[in-house]
Amino acid sequence: MVLLDLTQLNAFAEYFVIATVDNIRQARAIVDLLTMKVNELGSHLQYEGDPESGWLLVDAGQGVFVHLFSLETRAYYNLEGLWGRAQEVVRIQ
């Protein structure tokens, strides 16, 4: 998992969280947990994609976007490379 700070690069997002999930069930569990936590903060989570596609994009609000990828899809789209000028805040492996 990596957290990228995009505040100096664009206006549509402040942070990207990019993570790899091992399977569909794990992706759904993460979205369920994020939904619960965002709702507790009084906001609503929106997401696009489908776990079967290998990529879920979660809009957690306030400029935070969570990308949940399968291993192969993450390598294919290479968001870390695309946003290579973003500051890496934290990386957990």
PDB file of N, CA and C in Angstrom:
ATOM      1  N   MET A   1       0.854  -1.168   0.000  1.00  0.00           N
ATOM      2  CA  MET A   1       0.000   0.000   0.000  1.00  0.00           C
ATOM      3  C   MET A   1       0.896   1.225   0.000  1.00  0.00           C
ATOM      4  N   VAL A   2       0.469   2.233  -0.729  1.00  0.00           N
ATOM      5  CA  VAL A   2       1.210   3.484  -0.776  1.00  0.00           C
ATOM      6  C   VAL A   2       0.217   4.642  -0.673  1.00  0.00           C
ATOM      7  N   LEU A   3       0.637   5.699   0.003  1.00  0.00           N
ATOM      8  CA  LEU A   3      -0.144   6.923   0.115  1.00  0.00           C
ATOM      9  C   LEU A   3       0.625   8.017  -0.603  1.00  0.00           C
ATOM     10  N   LEU A   4      -0.008   8.598  -1.635  1.00  0.00           N
ATOM     11  CA  LEU A   4       0.612   9.673  -2.403  1.00  0.00           C
ATOM     12  C   LEU A   4      -0.074  10.995  -2.107  1.00  0.00           C
ATOM     13  N   ASP A   5       0.727  12.025  -1.882  1.00  0.00           N
ATOM     14  CA  ASP A   5       0.238  13.386  -1.666  1.00  0.00           C
ATOM     15  C   ASP A   5       0.236  14.092  -3.015  1.00  0.00           C
ATOM     16  N   LEU A   6      -0.944  14.433  -3.511  1.00  0.00           N
ATOM     17  CA  LEU A   6      -1.094  15.078  -4.813  1.00  0.00           C
ATOM     18  C   LEU A   6      -1.426  16.557  -4.706  1.00  0.00           C
ATOM     19  N   THR A   7      -1.351  17.123  -3.511  1.00  0.00           N
ATOM     20  CA  THR A   7      -1.824  18.489  -3.299  1.00  0.00           C
ATOM     21  C   THR A   7      -1.101  19.516  -4.163  1.00  0.00           C
ATOM     22  N   GLN A   8       0.129  19.269  -4.527  1.00  0.00           N
ATOM     23  CA  GLN A   8       0.886  20.234  -5.323  1.00  0.00           C
ATOM     24  C   GLN A   8       0.766  19.989  -6.828  1.00  0.00           C
ATOM     25  N   LEU A   9       0.046  18.912  -7.219  1.00  0.00           N
ATOM     26  CA  LEU A   9       0.039  18.520  -8.626  1.00  0.00           C
ATOM     27  C   LEU A   9      -1.273  18.750  -9.360  1.00  0.00           C
ATOM     28  N   ASN A  10      -2.401  18.758  -8.660  1.00  0.00           N
ATOM     29  CA  ASN A  10      -3.680  18.904  -9.339  1.00  0.00           C
ATOM     30  C   ASN A  10      -4.735  19.443  -8.388  1.00  0.00           C
ATOM     31  N   ALA A  11      -5.910  19.689  -8.938  1.00  0.00           N
ATOM     32  CA  ALA A  11      -6.988  20.270  -8.127  1.00  0.00           C
ATOM     33  C   ALA A  11      -8.087  19.274  -7.790  1.00  0.00           C
ATOM     34  N   PHE A  12      -8.115  18.111  -8.419  1.00  0.00           N
ATOM     35  CA  PHE A  12      -9.233  17.188  -8.210  1.00  0.00           C
ATOM     36  C   PHE A  12      -9.002  16.199  -7.073  1.00  0.00           C
ATOM     37  N   ALA A  13      -7.776  16.007  -6.663  1.00  0.00           N
ATOM     38  CA  ALA A  13      -7.496  15.035  -5.602  1.00  0.00           C
ATOM     39  C   ALA A  13      -6.366  15.540  -4.729  1.00  0.00           C
ATOM     40  N   GLU A  14      -6.455  15.231  -3.451  1.00  0.00           N
ATOM     41  CA  GLU A  14      -5.373  15.573  -2.537  1.00  0.00           C
ATOM     42  C   GLU A  14      -4.494  14.369  -2.238  1.00  0.00           C
ATOM     43  N   TYR A  15      -5.128  13.203  -2.096  1.00  0.00           N
ATOM     44  CA  TYR A  15      -4.375  11.989  -1.766  1.00  0.00           C
ATOM     45  C   TYR A  15      -4.900  10.803  -2.544  1.00  0.00           C
ATOM     46  N   PHE A  16      -3.970   9.944  -2.952  1.00  0.00           N
ATOM     47  CA  PHE A  16      -4.297   8.633  -3.503  1.00  0.00           C
ATOM     48  C   PHE A  16      -3.768   7.592  -2.537  1.00  0.00           C
ATOM     49  N   VAL A  17      -4.610   6.652  -2.191  1.00  0.00           N
ATOM     50  CA  VAL A  17      -4.176   5.446  -1.510  1.00  0.00           C
ATOM     51  C   VAL A  17      -4.230   4.356  -2.568  1.00  0.00           C
ATOM     52  N   ILE A  18      -3.123   3.687  -2.788  1.00  0.00           N
ATOM     53  CA  ILE A  18      -3.048   2.633  -3.797  1.00  0.00           C
ATOM     54  C   ILE A  18      -2.682   1.347  -3.073  1.00  0.00           C
ATOM     55  N   ALA A  19      -3.558   0.347  -3.216  1.00  0.00           N
ATOM     56  CA  ALA A  19      -3.340  -0.902  -2.495  1.00  0.00           C
ATOM     57  C   ALA A  19      -3.636  -2.094  -3.394  1.00  0.00           C
ATOM     58  N   THR A  20      -2.975  -3.186  -3.094  1.00  0.00           N
ATOM     59  CA  THR A  20      -3.198  -4.442  -3.792  1.00  0.00           C
ATOM     60  C   THR A  20      -4.006  -5.365  -2.892  1.00  0.00           C
ATOM     61  N   VAL A  21      -5.040  -5.970  -3.461  1.00  0.00           N
ATOM     62  CA  VAL A  21      -5.848  -6.949  -2.731  1.00  0.00           C
ATOM     63  C   VAL A  21      -5.591  -8.321  -3.330  1.00  0.00           C
ATOM     64  N   ASP A  22      -5.709  -9.330  -2.487  1.00  0.00           N
ATOM     65  CA  ASP A  22      -5.427 -10.696  -2.926  1.00  0.00           C
ATOM     66  C   ASP A  22      -6.595 -11.358  -3.638  1.00  0.00           C
ATOM     67  N   ASN A  23      -7.828 -10.916  -3.314  1.00  0.00           N
ATOM     68  CA  ASN A  23      -8.984 -11.573  -3.908  1.00  0.00           C
ATOM     69  C   ASN A  23     -10.212 -10.670  -3.821  1.00  0.00           C
ATOM     70  N   ILE A  24     -11.281 -11.098  -4.459  1.00  0.00           N
ATOM     71  CA  ILE A  24     -12.520 -10.321  -4.517  1.00  0.00           C
ATOM     72  C   ILE A  24     -13.102 -10.111  -3.126  1.00  0.00           C
ATOM     73  N   ARG A  25     -13.083 -11.140  -2.314  1.00  0.00           N
ATOM     74  CA  ARG A  25     -13.648 -11.040  -0.962  1.00  0.00           C
ATOM     75  C   ARG A  25     -12.920  -9.971  -0.145  1.00  0.00           C
ATOM     76  N   GLN A  26     -11.609  -9.920  -0.257  1.00  0.00           N
ATOM     77  CA  GLN A  26     -10.838  -8.908   0.471  1.00  0.00           C
ATOM     78  C   GLN A  26     -11.193  -7.508  -0.012  1.00  0.00           C
ATOM     79  N   ALA A  27     -11.341  -7.321  -1.314  1.00  0.00           N
ATOM     80  CA  ALA A  27     -11.714  -6.010  -1.869  1.00  0.00           C
ATOM     81  C   ALA A  27     -13.061  -5.562  -1.327  1.00  0.00           C
ATOM     82  N   ARG A  28     -14.024  -6.468  -1.315  1.00  0.00           N
ATOM     83  CA  ARG A  28     -15.350  -6.116  -0.800  1.00  0.00           C
ATOM     84  C   ARG A  28     -15.303  -5.787   0.688  1.00  0.00           C
ATOM     85  N   ALA A  29     -14.519  -6.529   1.449  1.00  0.00           N
ATOM     86  CA  ALA A  29     -14.398  -6.272   2.886  1.00  0.00           C
ATOM     87  C   ALA A  29     -13.796  -4.888   3.139  1.00  0.00           C
ATOM     88  N   ILE A  30     -12.811  -4.505   2.358  1.00  0.00           N
ATOM     89  CA  ILE A  30     -12.181  -3.190   2.518  1.00  0.00           C
ATOM     90  C   ILE A  30     -13.188  -2.091   2.186  1.00  0.00           C
ATOM     91  N   VAL A  31     -13.935  -2.247   1.104  1.00  0.00           N
ATOM     92  CA  VAL A  31     -14.949  -1.246   0.741  1.00  0.00           C
ATOM     93  C   VAL A  31     -16.015  -1.159   1.826  1.00  0.00           C
ATOM     94  N   ASP A  32     -16.432  -2.282   2.366  1.00  0.00           N
ATOM     95  CA  ASP A  32     -17.421  -2.268   3.453  1.00  0.00           C
ATOM     96  C   ASP A  32     -16.897  -1.517   4.675  1.00  0.00           C
ATOM     97  N   LEU A  33     -15.650  -1.770   5.045  1.00  0.00           N
ATOM     98  CA  LEU A  33     -15.054  -1.090   6.197  1.00  0.00           C
ATOM     99  C   LEU A  33     -14.905   0.410   5.931  1.00  0.00           C
ATOM    100  N   LEU A  34     -14.433   0.769   4.750  1.00  0.00           N
ATOM    101  CA  LEU A  34     -14.318   2.188   4.400  1.00  0.00           C
ATOM    102  C   LEU A  34     -15.677   2.879   4.438  1.00  0.00           C
ATOM    103  N   THR A  35     -16.701   2.199   3.917  1.00  0.00           N
ATOM    104  CA  THR A  35     -18.051   2.764   3.933  1.00  0.00           C
ATOM    105  C   THR A  35     -18.495   3.033   5.357  1.00  0.00           C
ATOM    106  N   MET A  36     -18.281   2.080   6.244  1.00  0.00           N
ATOM    107  CA  MET A  36     -18.673   2.237   7.640  1.00  0.00           C
ATOM    108  C   MET A  36     -17.938   3.408   8.291  1.00  0.00           C
ATOM    109  N   LYS A  37     -16.632   3.511   8.075  1.00  0.00           N
ATOM    110  CA  LYS A  37     -15.839   4.575   8.699  1.00  0.00           C
ATOM    111  C   LYS A  37     -16.201   5.955   8.145  1.00  0.00           C
ATOM    112  N   VAL A  38     -16.404   6.049   6.842  1.00  0.00           N
ATOM    113  CA  VAL A  38     -16.764   7.333   6.232  1.00  0.00           C
ATOM    114  C   VAL A  38     -18.157   7.749   6.698  1.00  0.00           C
ATOM    115  N   ASN A  39     -19.083   6.802   6.800  1.00  0.00           N
ATOM    116  CA  ASN A  39     -20.417   7.115   7.312  1.00  0.00           C
ATOM    117  C   ASN A  39     -20.358   7.617   8.750  1.00  0.00           C
ATOM    118  N   GLU A  40     -19.478   7.046   9.568  1.00  0.00           N
ATOM    119  CA  GLU A  40     -19.307   7.507  10.949  1.00  0.00           C
ATOM    120  C   GLU A  40     -18.850   8.957  11.007  1.00  0.00           C
ATOM    121  N   LEU A  41     -18.137   9.396   9.974  1.00  0.00           N
ATOM    122  CA  LEU A  41     -17.673  10.785   9.906  1.00  0.00           C
ATOM    123  C   LEU A  41     -18.725  11.717   9.327  1.00  0.00           C
ATOM    124  N   GLY A  42     -19.891  11.157   8.981  1.00  0.00           N
ATOM    125  CA  GLY A  42     -20.979  11.976   8.464  1.00  0.00           C
ATOM    126  C   GLY A  42     -20.931  12.227   6.981  1.00  0.00           C
ATOM    127  N   SER A  43     -20.181  11.454   6.258  1.00  0.00           N
ATOM    128  CA  SER A  43     -20.077  11.616   4.819  1.00  0.00           C
ATOM    129  C   SER A  43     -20.536  10.329   4.130  1.00  0.00           C
ATOM    130  N   HIS A  44     -20.513  10.343   2.814  1.00  0.00           N
ATOM    131  CA  HIS A  44     -20.924   9.164   2.057  1.00  0.00           C
ATOM    132  C   HIS A  44     -19.830   8.783   1.080  1.00  0.00           C
ATOM    133  N   LEU A  45     -19.542   7.515   1.044  1.00  0.00           N
ATOM    134  CA  LEU A  45     -18.523   6.978   0.163  1.00  0.00           C
ATOM    135  C   LEU A  45     -19.153   6.593  -1.174  1.00  0.00           C
ATOM    136  N   GLN A  46     -18.424   6.828  -2.239  1.00  0.00           N
ATOM    137  CA  GLN A  46     -18.854   6.406  -3.569  1.00  0.00           C
ATOM    138  C   GLN A  46     -17.737   5.592  -4.179  1.00  0.00           C
ATOM    139  N   TYR A  47     -18.098   4.600  -4.961  1.00  0.00           N
ATOM    140  CA  TYR A  47     -17.052   3.844  -5.638  1.00  0.00           C
ATOM    141  C   TYR A  47     -17.501   3.420  -7.024  1.00  0.00           C
ATOM    142  N   GLU A  48     -16.504   3.176  -7.859  1.00  0.00           N
ATOM    143  CA  GLU A  48     -16.727   2.716  -9.221  1.00  0.00           C
ATOM    144  C   GLU A  48     -15.903   1.473  -9.435  1.00  0.00           C
ATOM    145  N   GLY A  49     -16.336   0.672 -10.355  1.00  0.00           N
ATOM    146  CA  GLY A  49     -15.614  -0.544 -10.678  1.00  0.00           C
ATOM    147  C   GLY A  49     -16.237  -1.738 -10.000  1.00  0.00           C
ATOM    148  N   ASP A  50     -15.591  -2.841 -10.196  1.00  0.00           N
ATOM    149  CA  ASP A  50     -16.100  -4.106  -9.693  1.00  0.00           C
ATOM    150  C   ASP A  50     -14.897  -4.939  -9.270  1.00  0.00           C
ATOM    151  N   PRO A  51     -14.977  -5.627  -8.154  1.00  0.00           N
ATOM    152  CA  PRO A  51     -13.818  -6.434  -7.732  1.00  0.00           C
ATOM    153  C   PRO A  51     -13.366  -7.427  -8.808  1.00  0.00           C
ATOM    154  N   GLU A  52     -14.297  -7.935  -9.601  1.00  0.00           N
ATOM    155  CA  GLU A  52     -13.937  -8.887 -10.644  1.00  0.00           C
ATOM    156  C   GLU A  52     -13.089  -8.251 -11.748  1.00  0.00           C
ATOM    157  N   SER A  53     -13.189  -6.937 -11.914  1.00  0.00           N
ATOM    158  CA  SER A  53     -12.429  -6.249 -12.955  1.00  0.00           C
ATOM    159  C   SER A  53     -10.970  -6.040 -12.561  1.00  0.00           C
ATOM    160  N   GLY A  54     -10.672  -6.168 -11.275  1.00  0.00           N
ATOM    161  CA  GLY A  54      -9.303  -5.963 -10.814  1.00  0.00           C
ATOM    162  C   GLY A  54      -9.010  -4.560 -10.330  1.00  0.00           C
ATOM    163  N   TRP A  55     -10.013  -3.664 -10.383  1.00  0.00           N
ATOM    164  CA  TRP A  55      -9.774  -2.286  -9.939  1.00  0.00           C
ATOM    165  C   TRP A  55     -11.057  -1.703  -9.382  1.00  0.00           C
ATOM    166  N   LEU A  56     -11.008  -1.268  -8.148  1.00  0.00           N
ATOM    167  CA  LEU A  56     -12.090  -0.513  -7.527  1.00  0.00           C
ATOM    168  C   LEU A  56     -11.547   0.865  -7.193  1.00  0.00           C
ATOM    169  N   LEU A  57     -12.258   1.892  -7.598  1.00  0.00           N
ATOM    170  CA  LEU A  57     -11.895   3.266  -7.273  1.00  0.00           C
ATOM    171  C   LEU A  57     -12.901   3.779  -6.264  1.00  0.00           C
ATOM    172  N   VAL A  58     -12.413   4.139  -5.085  1.00  0.00           N
ATOM    173  CA  VAL A  58     -13.271   4.581  -3.993  1.00  0.00           C
ATOM    174  C   VAL A  58     -13.033   6.065  -3.744  1.00  0.00           C
ATOM    175  N   ASP A  59     -14.110   6.862  -3.829  1.00  0.00           N
ATOM    176  CA  ASP A  59     -14.051   8.282  -3.490  1.00  0.00           C
ATOM    177  C   ASP A  59     -14.466   8.395  -2.032  1.00  0.00           C
ATOM    178  N   ALA A  60     -13.488   8.592  -1.158  1.00  0.00           N
ATOM    179  CA  ALA A  60     -13.751   8.658   0.278  1.00  0.00           C
ATOM    180  C   ALA A  60     -14.110  10.070   0.726  1.00  0.00           C
ATOM    181  N   GLY A  61     -14.153  11.008  -0.188  1.00  0.00           N
ATOM    182  CA  GLY A  61     -14.506  12.384   0.137  1.00  0.00           C
ATOM    183  C   GLY A  61     -13.291  13.209   0.513  1.00  0.00           C
ATOM    184  N   GLN A  62     -13.457  14.503   0.489  1.00  0.00           N
ATOM    185  CA  GLN A  62     -12.429  15.473   0.859  1.00  0.00           C
ATOM    186  C   GLN A  62     -11.122  15.257   0.106  1.00  0.00           C
ATOM    187  N   GLY A  63     -11.223  14.850  -1.162  1.00  0.00           N
ATOM    188  CA  GLY A  63     -10.046  14.717  -2.004  1.00  0.00           C
ATOM    189  C   GLY A  63      -9.251  13.446  -1.813  1.00  0.00           C
ATOM    190  N   VAL A  64      -9.794  12.469  -1.110  1.00  0.00           N
ATOM    191  CA  VAL A  64      -9.094  11.208  -0.872  1.00  0.00           C
ATOM    192  C   VAL A  64      -9.702  10.127  -1.762  1.00  0.00           C
ATOM    193  N   PHE A  65      -8.860   9.504  -2.571  1.00  0.00           N
ATOM    194  CA  PHE A  65      -9.283   8.427  -3.455  1.00  0.00           C
ATOM    195  C   PHE A  65      -8.486   7.172  -3.136  1.00  0.00           C
ATOM    196  N   VAL A  66      -9.193   6.062  -3.023  1.00  0.00           N
ATOM    197  CA  VAL A  66      -8.562   4.784  -2.712  1.00  0.00           C
ATOM    198  C   VAL A  66      -8.689   3.899  -3.947  1.00  0.00           C
ATOM    199  N   HIS A  67      -7.553   3.412  -4.416  1.00  0.00           N
ATOM    200  CA  HIS A  67      -7.510   2.506  -5.562  1.00  0.00           C
ATOM    201  C   HIS A  67      -7.177   1.114  -5.031  1.00  0.00           C
ATOM    202  N   LEU A  68      -8.084   0.181  -5.234  1.00  0.00           N
ATOM    203  CA  LEU A  68      -7.857  -1.207  -4.835  1.00  0.00           C
ATOM    204  C   LEU A  68      -7.657  -2.030  -6.108  1.00  0.00           C
ATOM    205  N   PHE A  69      -6.487  -2.622  -6.236  1.00  0.00           N
ATOM    206  CA  PHE A  69      -6.107  -3.344  -7.441  1.00  0.00           C
ATOM    207  C   PHE A  69      -5.812  -4.809  -7.157  1.00  0.00           C
ATOM    208  N   SER A  70      -6.042  -5.639  -8.171  1.00  0.00           N
ATOM    209  CA  SER A  70      -5.417  -6.957  -8.169  1.00  0.00           C
ATOM    210  C   SER A  70      -3.944  -6.723  -8.521  1.00  0.00           C
ATOM    211  N   LEU A  71      -3.096  -7.683  -8.252  1.00  0.00           N
ATOM    212  CA  LEU A  71      -1.662  -7.535  -8.510  1.00  0.00           C
ATOM    213  C   LEU A  71      -1.390  -7.224  -9.978  1.00  0.00           C
ATOM    214  N   GLU A  72      -2.031  -7.952 -10.868  1.00  0.00           N
ATOM    215  CA  GLU A  72      -1.793  -7.778 -12.304  1.00  0.00           C
ATOM    216  C   GLU A  72      -2.291  -6.421 -12.801  1.00  0.00           C
ATOM    217  N   THR A  73      -3.464  -6.011 -12.337  1.00  0.00           N
ATOM    218  CA  THR A  73      -4.035  -4.742 -12.778  1.00  0.00           C
ATOM    219  C   THR A  73      -3.225  -3.562 -12.255  1.00  0.00           C
ATOM    220  N   ARG A  74      -2.727  -3.682 -11.037  1.00  0.00           N
ATOM    221  CA  ARG A  74      -1.889  -2.605 -10.486  1.00  0.00           C
ATOM    222  C   ARG A  74      -0.625  -2.442 -11.310  1.00  0.00           C
ATOM    223  N   ALA A  75      -0.006  -3.533 -11.685  1.00  0.00           N
ATOM    224  CA  ALA A  75       1.208  -3.459 -12.501  1.00  0.00           C
ATOM    225  C   ALA A  75       0.895  -2.870 -13.882  1.00  0.00           C
ATOM    226  N   TYR A  76      -0.242  -3.238 -14.452  1.00  0.00           N
ATOM    227  CA  TYR A  76      -0.612  -2.762 -15.782  1.00  0.00           C
ATOM    228  C   TYR A  76      -0.825  -1.247 -15.803  1.00  0.00           C
ATOM    229  N   TYR A  77      -1.584  -0.719 -14.850  1.00  0.00           N
ATOM    230  CA  TYR A  77      -1.900   0.714 -14.849  1.00  0.00           C
ATOM    231  C   TYR A  77      -0.804   1.568 -14.231  1.00  0.00           C
ATOM    232  N   ASN A  78      -0.010   1.023 -13.342  1.00  0.00           N
ATOM    233  CA  ASN A  78       1.168   1.691 -12.790  1.00  0.00           C
ATOM    234  C   ASN A  78       0.896   3.136 -12.363  1.00  0.00           C
ATOM    235  N   LEU A  79      -0.063   3.331 -11.472  1.00  0.00           N
ATOM    236  CA  LEU A  79      -0.386   4.687 -11.017  1.00  0.00           C
ATOM    237  C   LEU A  79       0.786   5.363 -10.313  1.00  0.00           C
ATOM    238  N   GLU A  80       1.596   4.585  -9.614  1.00  0.00           N
ATOM    239  CA  GLU A  80       2.769   5.190  -8.969  1.00  0.00           C
ATOM    240  C   GLU A  80       3.701   5.815 -10.002  1.00  0.00           C
ATOM    241  N   GLY A  81       3.845   5.169 -11.144  1.00  0.00           N
ATOM    242  CA  GLY A  81       4.660   5.728 -12.217  1.00  0.00           C
ATOM    243  C   GLY A  81       3.997   6.925 -12.874  1.00  0.00           C
ATOM    244  N   LEU A  82       2.695   6.830 -13.094  1.00  0.00           N
ATOM    245  CA  LEU A  82       1.951   7.920 -13.713  1.00  0.00           C
ATOM    246  C   LEU A  82       2.002   9.184 -12.853  1.00  0.00           C
ATOM    247  N   TRP A  83       1.907   9.000 -11.536  1.00  0.00           N
ATOM    248  CA  TRP A  83       1.949  10.121 -10.600  1.00  0.00           C
ATOM    249  C   TRP A  83       3.311  10.164  -9.902  1.00  0.00           C
ATOM    250  N   GLY A  84       4.362   9.920 -10.657  1.00  0.00           N
ATOM    251  CA  GLY A  84       5.712   9.842 -10.113  1.00  0.00           C
ATOM    252  C   GLY A  84       6.212  11.117  -9.451  1.00  0.00           C
ATOM    253  N   ARG A  85       5.625  12.249  -9.790  1.00  0.00           N
ATOM    254  CA  ARG A  85       6.043  13.517  -9.177  1.00  0.00           C
ATOM    255  C   ARG A  85       5.363  13.755  -7.827  1.00  0.00           C
ATOM    256  N   ALA A  86       4.402  12.919  -7.489  1.00  0.00           N
ATOM    257  CA  ALA A  86       3.693  13.059  -6.192  1.00  0.00           C
ATOM    258  C   ALA A  86       4.630  12.643  -5.067  1.00  0.00           C
ATOM    259  N   GLN A  87       4.440  13.276  -3.925  1.00  0.00           N
ATOM    260  CA  GLN A  87       5.236  12.918  -2.756  1.00  0.00           C
ATOM    261  C   GLN A  87       4.678  11.637  -2.141  1.00  0.00           C
ATOM    262  N   GLU A  88       5.538  10.667  -1.943  1.00  0.00           N
ATOM    263  CA  GLU A  88       5.142   9.430  -1.276  1.00  0.00           C
ATOM    264  C   GLU A  88       5.165   9.672   0.226  1.00  0.00           C
ATOM    265  N   VAL A  89       4.013   9.598   0.857  1.00  0.00           N
ATOM    266  CA  VAL A  89       3.888   9.872   2.288  1.00  0.00           C
ATOM    267  C   VAL A  89       4.266   8.644   3.097  1.00  0.00           C
ATOM    268  N   VAL A  90       3.731   7.499   2.674  1.00  0.00           N
ATOM    269  CA  VAL A  90       4.027   6.250   3.393  1.00  0.00           C
ATOM    270  C   VAL A  90       3.888   5.089   2.427  1.00  0.00           C
ATOM    271  N   ARG A  91       4.687   4.049   2.647  1.00  0.00           N
ATOM    272  CA  ARG A  91       4.597   2.816   1.887  1.00  0.00           C
ATOM    273  C   ARG A  91       4.641   1.660   2.877  1.00  0.00           C
ATOM    274  N   ILE A  92       3.670   0.771   2.775  1.00  0.00           N
ATOM    275  CA  ILE A  92       3.605  -0.403   3.634  1.00  0.00           C
ATOM    276  C   ILE A  92       3.618  -1.629   2.724  1.00  0.00           C
ATOM    277  N   GLN A  93       4.539  -2.540   2.996  1.00  0.00           N
ATOM    278  CA  GLN A  93       4.618  -3.729   2.154  1.00  0.00           C
ATOM    279  C   GLN A  93       4.339  -4.974   2.924  1.00  0.00           C
TER     280      GLN A  93
END
